[in-house]
């Protein structure tokens, strides 16, 4: 997908149509950013899941105090 986008960007840039080439650049970086955000949120969720298992939950006697 990214290789195709880069190839399309180069074709548009060589044809002299800079506006379309710039649009392809925006699309590429938007796609890249959304992929990074997805990985980041997935890793954060995994980290929270792992650390929450380490925190002891209160027993019934502790919650009644």
PDB file of N, CA and C in Angstrom:
ATOM      1  N   UNK A   1       0.825  -1.193   0.000  1.00  0.00           N
ATOM      2  CA  UNK A   1       0.000   0.000   0.000  1.00  0.00           C
ATOM      3  C   UNK A   1       0.867   1.254   0.000  1.00  0.00           C
ATOM      4  N   UNK A   2       1.841   1.302   0.901  1.00  0.00           N
ATOM      5  CA  UNK A   2       2.684   2.493   0.983  1.00  0.00           C
ATOM      6  C   UNK A   2       3.545   2.612  -0.261  1.00  0.00           C
ATOM      7  N   UNK A   3       4.057   1.471  -0.770  1.00  0.00           N
ATOM      8  CA  UNK A   3       4.864   1.495  -1.986  1.00  0.00           C
ATOM      9  C   UNK A   3       4.074   2.034  -3.167  1.00  0.00           C
ATOM     10  N   UNK A   4       2.803   1.642  -3.255  1.00  0.00           N
ATOM     11  CA  UNK A   4       1.946   2.128  -4.332  1.00  0.00           C
ATOM     12  C   UNK A   4       1.717   3.630  -4.183  1.00  0.00           C
ATOM     13  N   UNK A   5       1.542   4.085  -2.966  1.00  0.00           N
ATOM     14  CA  UNK A   5       1.314   5.507  -2.721  1.00  0.00           C
ATOM     15  C   UNK A   5       2.538   6.323  -3.090  1.00  0.00           C
ATOM     16  N   UNK A   6       3.714   5.827  -2.730  1.00  0.00           N
ATOM     17  CA  UNK A   6       4.955   6.530  -3.061  1.00  0.00           C
ATOM     18  C   UNK A   6       5.137   6.577  -4.572  1.00  0.00           C
ATOM     19  N   UNK A   7       4.862   5.473  -5.238  1.00  0.00           N
ATOM     20  CA  UNK A   7       4.990   5.425  -6.698  1.00  0.00           C
ATOM     21  C   UNK A   7       4.037   6.425  -7.345  1.00  0.00           C
ATOM     22  N   UNK A   8       2.800   6.480  -6.861  1.00  0.00           N
ATOM     23  CA  UNK A   8       1.807   7.414  -7.394  1.00  0.00           C
ATOM     24  C   UNK A   8       2.242   8.860  -7.145  1.00  0.00           C
ATOM     25  N   UNK A   9       2.798   9.129  -5.955  1.00  0.00           N
ATOM     26  CA  UNK A   9       3.301  10.463  -5.630  1.00  0.00           C
ATOM     27  C   UNK A   9       4.396  10.874  -6.605  1.00  0.00           C
ATOM     28  N   UNK A  10       5.329   9.970  -6.883  1.00  0.00           N
ATOM     29  CA  UNK A  10       6.437  10.275  -7.798  1.00  0.00           C
ATOM     30  C   UNK A  10       5.917  10.518  -9.206  1.00  0.00           C
ATOM     31  N   UNK A  11       4.958   9.706  -9.649  1.00  0.00           N
ATOM     32  CA  UNK A  11       4.381   9.903 -10.982  1.00  0.00           C
ATOM     33  C   UNK A  11       3.722  11.276 -11.090  1.00  0.00           C
ATOM     34  N   UNK A  12       2.950  11.649 -10.084  1.00  0.00           N
ATOM     35  CA  UNK A  12       2.267  12.941 -10.118  1.00  0.00           C
ATOM     36  C   UNK A  12       3.263  14.091 -10.034  1.00  0.00           C
ATOM     37  N   UNK A  13       4.311  13.929  -9.254  1.00  0.00           N
ATOM     38  CA  UNK A  13       5.320  14.966  -9.121  1.00  0.00           C
ATOM     39  C   UNK A  13       6.072  15.156 -10.433  1.00  0.00           C
ATOM     40  N   UNK A  14       6.406  14.045 -11.099  1.00  0.00           N
ATOM     41  CA  UNK A  14       7.112  14.126 -12.380  1.00  0.00           C
ATOM     42  C   UNK A  14       6.235  14.706 -13.475  1.00  0.00           C
ATOM     43  N   UNK A  15       4.927  14.497 -13.376  1.00  0.00           N
ATOM     44  CA  UNK A  15       4.021  15.034 -14.393  1.00  0.00           C
ATOM     45  C   UNK A  15       3.822  16.538 -14.224  1.00  0.00           C
ATOM     46  N   UNK A  16       4.292  17.083 -13.118  1.00  0.00           N
ATOM     47  CA  UNK A  16       4.176  18.517 -12.894  1.00  0.00           C
ATOM     48  C   UNK A  16       2.943  18.923 -12.122  1.00  0.00           C
ATOM     49  N   UNK A  17       2.141  17.969 -11.737  1.00  0.00           N
ATOM     50  CA  UNK A  17       0.923  18.275 -10.992  1.00  0.00           C
ATOM     51  C   UNK A  17       1.227  18.235  -9.497  1.00  0.00           C
ATOM     52  N   UNK A  18       1.754  19.324  -8.994  1.00  0.00           N
ATOM     53  CA  UNK A  18       2.198  19.363  -7.592  1.00  0.00           C
ATOM     54  C   UNK A  18       1.029  19.318  -6.604  1.00  0.00           C
ATOM     55  N   UNK A  19      -0.109  19.854  -6.984  1.00  0.00           N
ATOM     56  CA  UNK A  19      -1.259  19.841  -6.068  1.00  0.00           C
ATOM     57  C   UNK A  19      -1.693  18.411  -5.775  1.00  0.00           C
ATOM     58  N   UNK A  20      -1.776  17.596  -6.823  1.00  0.00           N
ATOM     59  CA  UNK A  20      -2.156  16.195  -6.633  1.00  0.00           C
ATOM     60  C   UNK A  20      -1.070  15.456  -5.866  1.00  0.00           C
ATOM     61  N   UNK A  21       0.192  15.762  -6.167  1.00  0.00           N
ATOM     62  CA  UNK A  21       1.300  15.127  -5.456  1.00  0.00           C
ATOM     63  C   UNK A  21       1.250  15.482  -3.975  1.00  0.00           C
ATOM     64  N   UNK A  22       0.942  16.722  -3.670  1.00  0.00           N
ATOM     65  CA  UNK A  22       0.828  17.126  -2.265  1.00  0.00           C
ATOM     66  C   UNK A  22      -0.336  16.424  -1.577  1.00  0.00           C
ATOM     67  N   UNK A  23      -1.429  16.221  -2.303  1.00  0.00           N
ATOM     68  CA  UNK A  23      -2.557  15.483  -1.732  1.00  0.00           C
ATOM     69  C   UNK A  23      -2.150  14.055  -1.391  1.00  0.00           C
ATOM     70  N   UNK A  24      -1.361  13.432  -2.277  1.00  0.00           N
ATOM     71  CA  UNK A  24      -0.878  12.076  -2.002  1.00  0.00           C
ATOM     72  C   UNK A  24       0.027  12.063  -0.777  1.00  0.00           C
ATOM     73  N   UNK A  25       0.801  13.118  -0.595  1.00  0.00           N
ATOM     74  CA  UNK A  25       1.661  13.208   0.590  1.00  0.00           C
ATOM     75  C   UNK A  25       0.814  13.273   1.851  1.00  0.00           C
ATOM     76  N   UNK A  26      -0.235  14.076   1.822  1.00  0.00           N
ATOM     77  CA  UNK A  26      -1.125  14.198   2.980  1.00  0.00           C
ATOM     78  C   UNK A  26      -1.793  12.862   3.285  1.00  0.00           C
ATOM     79  N   UNK A  27      -2.258  12.185   2.253  1.00  0.00           N
ATOM     80  CA  UNK A  27      -2.896  10.881   2.443  1.00  0.00           C
ATOM     81  C   UNK A  27      -1.907   9.891   3.047  1.00  0.00           C
ATOM     82  N   UNK A  28      -0.681   9.890   2.543  1.00  0.00           N
ATOM     83  CA  UNK A  28       0.334   8.961   3.044  1.00  0.00           C
ATOM     84  C   UNK A  28       0.625   9.195   4.516  1.00  0.00           C
ATOM     85  N   UNK A  29       0.838  10.456   4.893  1.00  0.00           N
ATOM     86  CA  UNK A  29       1.151  10.746   6.286  1.00  0.00           C
ATOM     87  C   UNK A  29      -0.046  10.510   7.195  1.00  0.00           C
ATOM     88  N   UNK A  30      -1.248  10.736   6.696  1.00  0.00           N
ATOM     89  CA  UNK A  30      -2.442  10.458   7.493  1.00  0.00           C
ATOM     90  C   UNK A  30      -2.567   8.965   7.762  1.00  0.00           C
ATOM     91  N   UNK A  31      -2.329   8.172   6.729  1.00  0.00           N
ATOM     92  CA  UNK A  31      -2.377   6.721   6.884  1.00  0.00           C
ATOM     93  C   UNK A  31      -1.304   6.257   7.857  1.00  0.00           C
ATOM     94  N   UNK A  32      -0.098   6.767   7.698  1.00  0.00           N
ATOM     95  CA  UNK A  32       1.011   6.412   8.579  1.00  0.00           C
ATOM     96  C   UNK A  32       0.699   6.810  10.023  1.00  0.00           C
ATOM     97  N   UNK A  33       0.150   7.995  10.207  1.00  0.00           N
ATOM     98  CA  UNK A  33      -0.199   8.461  11.547  1.00  0.00           C
ATOM     99  C   UNK A  33      -1.275   7.612  12.199  1.00  0.00           C
ATOM    100  N   UNK A  34      -2.267   7.202  11.420  1.00  0.00           N
ATOM    101  CA  UNK A  34      -3.329   6.385  11.999  1.00  0.00           C
ATOM    102  C   UNK A  34      -2.816   5.000  12.375  1.00  0.00           C
ATOM    103  N   UNK A  35      -1.883   4.468  11.584  1.00  0.00           N
ATOM    104  CA  UNK A  35      -1.284   3.172  11.924  1.00  0.00           C
ATOM    105  C   UNK A  35      -0.476   3.294  13.214  1.00  0.00           C
ATOM    106  N   UNK A  36       0.314   4.362  13.335  1.00  0.00           N
ATOM    107  CA  UNK A  36       1.093   4.569  14.562  1.00  0.00           C
ATOM    108  C   UNK A  36       0.181   4.747  15.776  1.00  0.00           C
ATOM    109  N   UNK A  37      -0.901   5.485  15.614  1.00  0.00           N
ATOM    110  CA  UNK A  37      -1.837   5.692  16.718  1.00  0.00           C
ATOM    111  C   UNK A  37      -2.475   4.374  17.144  1.00  0.00           C
ATOM    112  N   UNK A  38      -2.792   3.523  16.179  1.00  0.00           N
ATOM    113  CA  UNK A  38      -3.381   2.226  16.482  1.00  0.00           C
ATOM    114  C   UNK A  38      -2.402   1.366  17.267  1.00  0.00           C
ATOM    115  N   UNK A  39      -1.140   1.324  16.820  1.00  0.00           N
ATOM    116  CA  UNK A  39      -0.129   0.552  17.544  1.00  0.00           C
ATOM    117  C   UNK A  39       0.066   1.101  18.949  1.00  0.00           C
ATOM    118  N   UNK A  40       0.091   2.409  19.062  1.00  0.00           N
ATOM    119  CA  UNK A  40       0.305   3.042  20.361  1.00  0.00           C
ATOM    120  C   UNK A  40      -0.831   2.714  21.330  1.00  0.00           C
ATOM    121  N   UNK A  41      -2.063   2.820  20.869  1.00  0.00           N
ATOM    122  CA  UNK A  41      -3.192   2.532  21.754  1.00  0.00           C
ATOM    123  C   UNK A  41      -3.255   1.050  22.097  1.00  0.00           C
ATOM    124  N   UNK A  42      -2.886   0.198  21.151  1.00  0.00           N
ATOM    125  CA  UNK A  42      -2.863  -1.244  21.414  1.00  0.00           C
ATOM    126  C   UNK A  42      -1.812  -1.567  22.474  1.00  0.00           C
ATOM    127  N   UNK A  43      -0.622  -0.968  22.351  1.00  0.00           N
ATOM    128  CA  UNK A  43       0.436  -1.206  23.331  1.00  0.00           C
ATOM    129  C   UNK A  43       0.052  -0.659  24.699  1.00  0.00           C
ATOM    130  N   UNK A  44      -0.610   0.483  24.739  1.00  0.00           N
ATOM    131  CA  UNK A  44      -1.054   1.047  26.017  1.00  0.00           C
ATOM    132  C   UNK A  44      -2.085   0.135  26.676  1.00  0.00           C
ATOM    133  N   UNK A  45      -2.991  -0.408  25.892  1.00  0.00           N
ATOM    134  CA  UNK A  45      -3.996  -1.320  26.440  1.00  0.00           C
ATOM    135  C   UNK A  45      -3.342  -2.586  26.976  1.00  0.00           C
ATOM    136  N   UNK A  46      -2.364  -3.109  26.258  1.00  0.00           N
ATOM    137  CA  UNK A  46      -1.638  -4.291  26.723  1.00  0.00           C
ATOM    138  C   UNK A  46      -0.903  -3.990  28.023  1.00  0.00           C
ATOM    139  N   UNK A  47      -0.270  -2.824  28.084  1.00  0.00           N
ATOM    140  CA  UNK A  47       0.466  -2.442  29.294  1.00  0.00           C
ATOM    141  C   UNK A  47      -0.490  -2.321  30.479  1.00  0.00           C
ATOM    142  N   UNK A  48      -1.636  -1.701  30.264  1.00  0.00           N
ATOM    143  CA  UNK A  48      -2.624  -1.563  31.341  1.00  0.00           C
ATOM    144  C   UNK A  48      -3.146  -2.918  31.792  1.00  0.00           C
ATOM    145  N   UNK A  49      -3.343  -3.814  30.851  1.00  0.00           N
ATOM    146  CA  UNK A  49      -3.840  -5.146  31.182  1.00  0.00           C
ATOM    147  C   UNK A  49      -2.810  -5.899  32.020  1.00  0.00           C
ATOM    148  N   UNK A  50      -1.530  -5.764  31.647  1.00  0.00           N
ATOM    149  CA  UNK A  50      -0.472  -6.461  32.383  1.00  0.00           C
ATOM    150  C   UNK A  50      -0.289  -5.878  33.778  1.00  0.00           C
ATOM    151  N   UNK A  51      -0.317  -4.554  33.910  1.00  0.00           N
ATOM    152  CA  UNK A  51      -0.088  -3.941  35.222  1.00  0.00           C
ATOM    153  C   UNK A  51      -1.297  -4.080  36.128  1.00  0.00           C
ATOM    154  N   UNK A  52      -2.489  -4.148  35.571  1.00  0.00           N
ATOM    155  CA  UNK A  52      -3.673  -4.286  36.423  1.00  0.00           C
ATOM    156  C   UNK A  52      -3.714  -5.664  37.069  1.00  0.00           C
ATOM    157  N   UNK A  53      -3.080  -6.647  36.463  1.00  0.00           N
ATOM    158  CA  UNK A  53      -3.032  -7.978  37.061  1.00  0.00           C
ATOM    159  C   UNK A  53      -2.129  -7.984  38.287  1.00  0.00           C
ATOM    160  N   UNK A  54      -1.201  -7.042  38.380  1.00  0.00           N
ATOM    161  CA  UNK A  54      -0.276  -6.968  39.512  1.00  0.00           C
ATOM    162  C   UNK A  54      -0.885  -6.274  40.725  1.00  0.00           C
ATOM    163  N   UNK A  55      -1.963  -5.535  40.545  1.00  0.00           N
ATOM    164  CA  UNK A  55      -2.577  -4.783  41.638  1.00  0.00           C
ATOM    165  C   UNK A  55      -3.587  -5.687  42.341  1.00  0.00           C
ATOM    166  N   UNK A  56      -3.387  -5.923  43.635  1.00  0.00           N
ATOM    167  CA  UNK A  56      -4.333  -6.810  44.336  1.00  0.00           C
ATOM    168  C   UNK A  56      -5.689  -6.127  44.512  1.00  0.00           C
ATOM    169  N   UNK A  57      -6.722  -6.880  44.359  1.00  0.00           N
ATOM    170  CA  UNK A  57      -8.064  -6.334  44.570  1.00  0.00           C
ATOM    171  C   UNK A  57      -8.409  -6.470  46.048  1.00  0.00           C
ATOM    172  N   UNK A  58      -9.148  -5.521  46.600  1.00  0.00           N
ATOM    173  CA  UNK A  58      -9.486  -5.600  48.028  1.00  0.00           C
ATOM    174  C   UNK A  58     -10.435  -6.759  48.306  1.00  0.00           C
ATOM    175  N   UNK A  59     -10.255  -7.352  49.455  1.00  0.00           N
ATOM    176  CA  UNK A  59     -11.158  -8.429  49.852  1.00  0.00           C
ATOM    177  C   UNK A  59     -12.420  -7.816  50.441  1.00  0.00           C
ATOM    178  N   UNK A  60     -13.403  -8.635  50.687  1.00  0.00           N
ATOM    179  CA  UNK A  60     -14.672  -8.145  51.221  1.00  0.00           C
ATOM    180  C   UNK A  60     -14.472  -7.466  52.576  1.00  0.00           C
ATOM    181  N   UNK A  61     -13.602  -8.011  53.420  1.00  0.00           N
ATOM    182  CA  UNK A  61     -13.343  -7.425  54.729  1.00  0.00           C
ATOM    183  C   UNK A  61     -12.693  -6.059  54.627  1.00  0.00           C
ATOM    184  N   UNK A  62     -11.853  -5.859  53.638  1.00  0.00           N
ATOM    185  CA  UNK A  62     -11.177  -4.574  53.476  1.00  0.00           C
ATOM    186  C   UNK A  62     -12.130  -3.500  52.963  1.00  0.00           C
ATOM    187  N   UNK A  63     -13.092  -3.873  52.176  1.00  0.00           N
ATOM    188  CA  UNK A  63     -14.011  -2.883  51.605  1.00  0.00           C
ATOM    189  C   UNK A  63     -15.062  -2.431  52.608  1.00  0.00           C
ATOM    190  N   UNK A  64     -15.332  -3.212  53.663  1.00  0.00           N
ATOM    191  CA  UNK A  64     -16.368  -2.862  54.633  1.00  0.00           C
ATOM    192  C   UNK A  64     -15.878  -1.887  55.690  1.00  0.00           C
ATOM    193  N   UNK A  65     -14.602  -1.626  55.763  1.00  0.00           N
ATOM    194  CA  UNK A  65     -14.062  -0.727  56.791  1.00  0.00           C
ATOM    195  C   UNK A  65     -14.487   0.676  56.599  1.00  0.00           C
TER     196      UNK A  65
END
